[in-house]
């Protein structure tokens, strides 16, 4: 799977958020696309990365826009 650069950035930000780092904002359209792909989910605490999202980030599945 290849992610757009915006989706990849959102995924990286979600990973940083999970690690406890400060993240300014996550693009909602990108986060929703990640949710549809199973790479993120929306919880009461906001958007969170899924195990599949962690794997995709580690694989570096970044496309070009």
PDB file of N, CA and C in Angstrom:
ATOM      1  N   UNK A   1       0.841  -1.164   0.000  1.00  0.00           N
ATOM      2  CA  UNK A   1       0.000   0.000   0.000  1.00  0.00           C
ATOM      3  C   UNK A   1       0.896   1.240   0.000  1.00  0.00           C
ATOM      4  N   UNK A   2       0.527   2.215  -0.765  1.00  0.00           N
ATOM      5  CA  UNK A   2       1.277   3.460  -0.830  1.00  0.00           C
ATOM      6  C   UNK A   2       0.404   4.590  -0.317  1.00  0.00           C
ATOM      7  N   UNK A   3       0.922   5.354   0.616  1.00  0.00           N
ATOM      8  CA  UNK A   3       0.199   6.471   1.198  1.00  0.00           C
ATOM      9  C   UNK A   3       0.623   7.776   0.536  1.00  0.00           C
ATOM     10  N   UNK A   4      -0.291   8.727   0.510  1.00  0.00           N
ATOM     11  CA  UNK A   4       0.084  10.059   0.047  1.00  0.00           C
ATOM     12  C   UNK A   4       1.037  10.660   1.079  1.00  0.00           C
ATOM     13  N   UNK A   5       1.740  11.695   0.699  1.00  0.00           N
ATOM     14  CA  UNK A   5       2.664  12.313   1.653  1.00  0.00           C
ATOM     15  C   UNK A   5       1.905  12.870   2.858  1.00  0.00           C
ATOM     16  N   UNK A   6       0.695  13.395   2.645  1.00  0.00           N
ATOM     17  CA  UNK A   6      -0.117  13.894   3.753  1.00  0.00           C
ATOM     18  C   UNK A   6      -0.541  12.795   4.693  1.00  0.00           C
ATOM     19  N   UNK A   7      -0.935  11.657   4.145  1.00  0.00           N
ATOM     20  CA  UNK A   7      -1.317  10.518   4.975  1.00  0.00           C
ATOM     21  C   UNK A   7      -0.121   9.985   5.750  1.00  0.00           C
ATOM     22  N   UNK A   8       1.030   9.940   5.089  1.00  0.00           N
ATOM     23  CA  UNK A   8       2.238   9.456   5.755  1.00  0.00           C
ATOM     24  C   UNK A   8       2.625  10.396   6.899  1.00  0.00           C
ATOM     25  N   UNK A   9       2.515  11.701   6.667  1.00  0.00           N
ATOM     26  CA  UNK A   9       2.816  12.681   7.710  1.00  0.00           C
ATOM     27  C   UNK A   9       1.852  12.528   8.879  1.00  0.00           C
ATOM     28  N   UNK A  10       0.582  12.353   8.595  1.00  0.00           N
ATOM     29  CA  UNK A  10      -0.414  12.157   9.649  1.00  0.00           C
ATOM     30  C   UNK A  10      -0.107  10.893  10.439  1.00  0.00           C
ATOM     31  N   UNK A  11       0.278   9.837   9.746  1.00  0.00           N
ATOM     32  CA  UNK A  11       0.618   8.584  10.413  1.00  0.00           C
ATOM     33  C   UNK A  11       1.841   8.762  11.307  1.00  0.00           C
ATOM     34  N   UNK A  12       2.842   9.473  10.803  1.00  0.00           N
ATOM     35  CA  UNK A  12       4.036   9.745  11.608  1.00  0.00           C
ATOM     36  C   UNK A  12       3.680  10.586  12.836  1.00  0.00           C
ATOM     37  N   UNK A  13       2.788  11.560  12.662  1.00  0.00           N
ATOM     38  CA  UNK A  13       2.356  12.377  13.790  1.00  0.00           C
ATOM     39  C   UNK A  13       1.595  11.548  14.822  1.00  0.00           C
ATOM     40  N   UNK A  14       0.778  10.608  14.356  1.00  0.00           N
ATOM     41  CA  UNK A  14       0.064   9.735  15.286  1.00  0.00           C
ATOM     42  C   UNK A  14       1.033   8.839  16.056  1.00  0.00           C
ATOM     43  N   UNK A  15       2.083   8.417  15.399  1.00  0.00           N
ATOM     44  CA  UNK A  15       3.102   7.617  16.072  1.00  0.00           C
ATOM     45  C   UNK A  15       3.808   8.448  17.141  1.00  0.00           C
ATOM     46  N   UNK A  16       4.128   9.690  16.801  1.00  0.00           N
ATOM     47  CA  UNK A  16       4.766  10.592  17.764  1.00  0.00           C
ATOM     48  C   UNK A  16       3.831  10.865  18.938  1.00  0.00           C
ATOM     49  N   UNK A  17       2.550  11.028  18.640  1.00  0.00           N
ATOM     50  CA  UNK A  17       1.549  11.255  19.687  1.00  0.00           C
ATOM     51  C   UNK A  17       1.499  10.069  20.637  1.00  0.00           C
ATOM     52  N   UNK A  18       1.512   8.869  20.069  1.00  0.00           N
ATOM     53  CA  UNK A  18       1.473   7.652  20.887  1.00  0.00           C
ATOM     54  C   UNK A  18       2.703   7.565  21.793  1.00  0.00           C
ATOM     55  N   UNK A  19       3.838   8.054  21.308  1.00  0.00           N
ATOM     56  CA  UNK A  19       5.079   8.033  22.085  1.00  0.00           C
ATOM     57  C   UNK A  19       5.111   9.133  23.143  1.00  0.00           C
ATOM     58  N   UNK A  20       4.059   9.957  23.191  1.00  0.00           N
ATOM     59  CA  UNK A  20       3.977  10.995  24.203  1.00  0.00           C
ATOM     60  C   UNK A  20       4.536  12.334  23.779  1.00  0.00           C
ATOM     61  N   UNK A  21       4.910  12.447  22.509  1.00  0.00           N
ATOM     62  CA  UNK A  21       5.432  13.711  22.002  1.00  0.00           C
ATOM     63  C   UNK A  21       4.281  14.662  21.685  1.00  0.00           C
ATOM     64  N   UNK A  22       4.591  15.949  21.686  1.00  0.00           N
ATOM     65  CA  UNK A  22       3.600  16.963  21.329  1.00  0.00           C
ATOM     66  C   UNK A  22       3.411  16.971  19.811  1.00  0.00           C
ATOM     67  N   UNK A  23       2.152  16.941  19.393  1.00  0.00           N
ATOM     68  CA  UNK A  23       1.807  17.007  17.971  1.00  0.00           C
ATOM     69  C   UNK A  23       0.834  18.165  17.805  1.00  0.00           C
ATOM     70  N   UNK A  24       1.156  19.100  16.922  1.00  0.00           N
ATOM     71  CA  UNK A  24       0.309  20.280  16.743  1.00  0.00           C
ATOM     72  C   UNK A  24      -1.101  19.923  16.285  1.00  0.00           C
ATOM     73  N   UNK A  25      -1.212  19.248  15.148  1.00  0.00           N
ATOM     74  CA  UNK A  25      -2.524  18.877  14.629  1.00  0.00           C
ATOM     75  C   UNK A  25      -2.388  17.763  13.616  1.00  0.00           C
ATOM     76  N   UNK A  26      -3.486  17.063  13.428  1.00  0.00           N
ATOM     77  CA  UNK A  26      -3.568  15.983  12.445  1.00  0.00           C
ATOM     78  C   UNK A  26      -4.623  16.397  11.421  1.00  0.00           C
ATOM     79  N   UNK A  27      -4.285  16.337  10.142  1.00  0.00           N
ATOM     80  CA  UNK A  27      -5.232  16.667   9.086  1.00  0.00           C
ATOM     81  C   UNK A  27      -6.374  15.652   9.129  1.00  0.00           C
ATOM     82  N   UNK A  28      -7.592  16.153   9.296  1.00  0.00           N
ATOM     83  CA  UNK A  28      -8.750  15.274   9.457  1.00  0.00           C
ATOM     84  C   UNK A  28      -8.982  14.400   8.233  1.00  0.00           C
ATOM     85  N   UNK A  29      -8.858  14.950   7.050  1.00  0.00           N
ATOM     86  CA  UNK A  29      -9.077  14.158   5.827  1.00  0.00           C
ATOM     87  C   UNK A  29      -8.060  13.020   5.754  1.00  0.00           C
ATOM     88  N   UNK A  30      -6.807  13.307   6.090  1.00  0.00           N
ATOM     89  CA  UNK A  30      -5.784  12.259   6.080  1.00  0.00           C
ATOM     90  C   UNK A  30      -6.066  11.220   7.166  1.00  0.00           C
ATOM     91  N   UNK A  31      -6.469  11.674   8.341  1.00  0.00           N
ATOM     92  CA  UNK A  31      -6.771  10.742   9.430  1.00  0.00           C
ATOM     93  C   UNK A  31      -7.951   9.844   9.075  1.00  0.00           C
ATOM     94  N   UNK A  32      -8.956  10.416   8.427  1.00  0.00           N
ATOM     95  CA  UNK A  32     -10.107   9.597   8.014  1.00  0.00           C
ATOM     96  C   UNK A  32      -9.693   8.560   6.973  1.00  0.00           C
ATOM     97  N   UNK A  33      -8.838   8.955   6.045  1.00  0.00           N
ATOM     98  CA  UNK A  33      -8.343   8.008   5.039  1.00  0.00           C
ATOM     99  C   UNK A  33      -7.560   6.890   5.720  1.00  0.00           C
ATOM    100  N   UNK A  34      -6.748   7.247   6.709  1.00  0.00           N
ATOM    101  CA  UNK A  34      -5.985   6.227   7.444  1.00  0.00           C
ATOM    102  C   UNK A  34      -6.925   5.278   8.178  1.00  0.00           C
ATOM    103  N   UNK A  35      -8.025   5.811   8.698  1.00  0.00           N
ATOM    104  CA  UNK A  35      -9.016   4.977   9.382  1.00  0.00           C
ATOM    105  C   UNK A  35      -9.632   3.981   8.407  1.00  0.00           C
ATOM    106  N   UNK A  36      -9.963   4.462   7.215  1.00  0.00           N
ATOM    107  CA  UNK A  36     -10.541   3.566   6.202  1.00  0.00           C
ATOM    108  C   UNK A  36      -9.573   2.453   5.810  1.00  0.00           C
ATOM    109  N   UNK A  37      -8.273   2.739   5.885  1.00  0.00           N
ATOM    110  CA  UNK A  37      -7.249   1.743   5.558  1.00  0.00           C
ATOM    111  C   UNK A  37      -6.890   0.849   6.747  1.00  0.00           C
ATOM    112  N   UNK A  38      -7.466   1.156   7.919  1.00  0.00           N
ATOM    113  CA  UNK A  38      -7.181   0.369   9.112  1.00  0.00           C
ATOM    114  C   UNK A  38      -5.869   0.740   9.788  1.00  0.00           C
ATOM    115  N   UNK A  39      -5.313   1.904   9.422  1.00  0.00           N
ATOM    116  CA  UNK A  39      -4.025   2.313   9.969  1.00  0.00           C
ATOM    117  C   UNK A  39      -4.158   3.242  11.172  1.00  0.00           C
ATOM    118  N   UNK A  40      -5.374   3.739  11.393  1.00  0.00           N
ATOM    119  CA  UNK A  40      -5.671   4.605  12.530  1.00  0.00           C
ATOM    120  C   UNK A  40      -7.111   4.356  12.936  1.00  0.00           C
ATOM    121  N   UNK A  41      -7.438   4.823  14.135  1.00  0.00           N
ATOM    122  CA  UNK A  41      -8.825   4.752  14.575  1.00  0.00           C
ATOM    123  C   UNK A  41      -9.148   5.976  15.410  1.00  0.00           C
ATOM    124  N   UNK A  42     -10.407   6.293  15.465  1.00  0.00           N
ATOM    125  CA  UNK A  42     -10.879   7.447  16.239  1.00  0.00           C
ATOM    126  C   UNK A  42     -11.406   6.931  17.560  1.00  0.00           C
ATOM    127  N   UNK A  43     -10.874   7.451  18.647  1.00  0.00           N
ATOM    128  CA  UNK A  43     -11.329   7.066  19.981  1.00  0.00           C
ATOM    129  C   UNK A  43     -11.759   8.323  20.728  1.00  0.00           C
ATOM    130  N   UNK A  44     -12.182   8.149  21.945  1.00  0.00           N
ATOM    131  CA  UNK A  44     -12.544   9.290  22.770  1.00  0.00           C
ATOM    132  C   UNK A  44     -11.371  10.217  23.020  1.00  0.00           C
ATOM    133  N   UNK A  45     -10.161   9.686  22.886  1.00  0.00           N
ATOM    134  CA  UNK A  45      -8.948  10.484  23.098  1.00  0.00           C
ATOM    135  C   UNK A  45      -8.443  11.110  21.803  1.00  0.00           C
ATOM    136  N   UNK A  46      -9.161  10.916  20.724  1.00  0.00           N
ATOM    137  CA  UNK A  46      -8.742  11.448  19.425  1.00  0.00           C
ATOM    138  C   UNK A  46      -8.283  10.339  18.497  1.00  0.00           C
ATOM    139  N   UNK A  47      -7.515  10.703  17.500  1.00  0.00           N
ATOM    140  CA  UNK A  47      -7.017   9.740  16.529  1.00  0.00           C
ATOM    141  C   UNK A  47      -5.834   8.989  17.126  1.00  0.00           C
ATOM    142  N   UNK A  48      -5.800   7.671  16.935  1.00  0.00           N
ATOM    143  CA  UNK A  48      -4.677   6.859  17.408  1.00  0.00           C
ATOM    144  C   UNK A  48      -4.217   5.921  16.301  1.00  0.00           C
ATOM    145  N   UNK A  49      -2.938   5.636  16.294  1.00  0.00           N
ATOM    146  CA  UNK A  49      -2.361   4.723  15.315  1.00  0.00           C
ATOM    147  C   UNK A  49      -2.672   3.283  15.721  1.00  0.00           C
ATOM    148  N   UNK A  50      -2.916   2.434  14.755  1.00  0.00           N
ATOM    149  CA  UNK A  50      -3.174   1.012  15.018  1.00  0.00           C
ATOM    150  C   UNK A  50      -1.879   0.219  14.810  1.00  0.00           C
ATOM    151  N   UNK A  51      -1.863  -1.039  15.232  1.00  0.00           N
ATOM    152  CA  UNK A  51      -0.687  -1.868  14.949  1.00  0.00           C
ATOM    153  C   UNK A  51      -0.362  -1.933  13.456  1.00  0.00           C
ATOM    154  N   UNK A  52      -1.387  -1.980  12.613  1.00  0.00           N
ATOM    155  CA  UNK A  52      -1.153  -1.981  11.161  1.00  0.00           C
ATOM    156  C   UNK A  52      -0.528  -0.657  10.720  1.00  0.00           C
ATOM    157  N   UNK A  53      -0.920   0.435  11.368  1.00  0.00           N
ATOM    158  CA  UNK A  53      -0.342   1.735  11.057  1.00  0.00           C
ATOM    159  C   UNK A  53       1.129   1.804  11.437  1.00  0.00           C
ATOM    160  N   UNK A  54       1.469   1.211  12.560  1.00  0.00           N
ATOM    161  CA  UNK A  54       2.871   1.161  12.988  1.00  0.00           C
ATOM    162  C   UNK A  54       3.700   0.385  11.975  1.00  0.00           C
ATOM    163  N   UNK A  55       3.161  -0.718  11.486  1.00  0.00           N
ATOM    164  CA  UNK A  55       3.868  -1.516  10.482  1.00  0.00           C
ATOM    165  C   UNK A  55       4.030  -0.741   9.173  1.00  0.00           C
ATOM    166  N   UNK A  56       2.986  -0.050   8.747  1.00  0.00           N
ATOM    167  CA  UNK A  56       3.059   0.725   7.504  1.00  0.00           C
ATOM    168  C   UNK A  56       4.087   1.844   7.631  1.00  0.00           C
ATOM    169  N   UNK A  57       4.130   2.478   8.789  1.00  0.00           N
ATOM    170  CA  UNK A  57       5.103   3.544   9.015  1.00  0.00           C
ATOM    171  C   UNK A  57       6.522   2.983   8.984  1.00  0.00           C
ATOM    172  N   UNK A  58       6.716   1.840   9.605  1.00  0.00           N
ATOM    173  CA  UNK A  58       8.046   1.213   9.619  1.00  0.00           C
ATOM    174  C   UNK A  58       8.469   0.791   8.211  1.00  0.00           C
ATOM    175  N   UNK A  59       7.500   0.420   7.377  1.00  0.00           N
ATOM    176  CA  UNK A  59       7.801   0.007   6.010  1.00  0.00           C
ATOM    177  C   UNK A  59       8.091   1.205   5.119  1.00  0.00           C
ATOM    178  N   UNK A  60       7.732   2.406   5.588  1.00  0.00           N
ATOM    179  CA  UNK A  60       8.001   3.615   4.799  1.00  0.00           C
ATOM    180  C   UNK A  60       7.198   3.690   3.525  1.00  0.00           C
ATOM    181  N   UNK A  61       5.939   3.286   3.573  1.00  0.00           N
ATOM    182  CA  UNK A  61       5.073   3.243   2.397  1.00  0.00           C
ATOM    183  C   UNK A  61       4.603   4.626   1.976  1.00  0.00           C
ATOM    184  N   UNK A  62       5.533   5.515   1.732  1.00  0.00           N
ATOM    185  CA  UNK A  62       5.202   6.886   1.343  1.00  0.00           C
ATOM    186  C   UNK A  62       5.235   7.051  -0.160  1.00  0.00           C
ATOM    187  N   UNK A  63       4.155   7.566  -0.693  1.00  0.00           N
ATOM    188  CA  UNK A  63       4.101   7.850  -2.116  1.00  0.00           C
ATOM    189  C   UNK A  63       4.447   9.300  -2.368  1.00  0.00           C
ATOM    190  N   UNK A  64       4.259   9.712  -3.572  1.00  0.00           N
ATOM    191  CA  UNK A  64       4.462  11.130  -3.895  1.00  0.00           C
ATOM    192  C   UNK A  64       3.134  11.719  -4.316  1.00  0.00           C
ATOM    193  N   UNK A  65       2.986  12.985  -4.077  1.00  0.00           N
ATOM    194  CA  UNK A  65       1.736  13.669  -4.467  1.00  0.00           C
ATOM    195  C   UNK A  65       1.926  14.404  -5.762  1.00  0.00           C
TER     196      UNK A  65
END
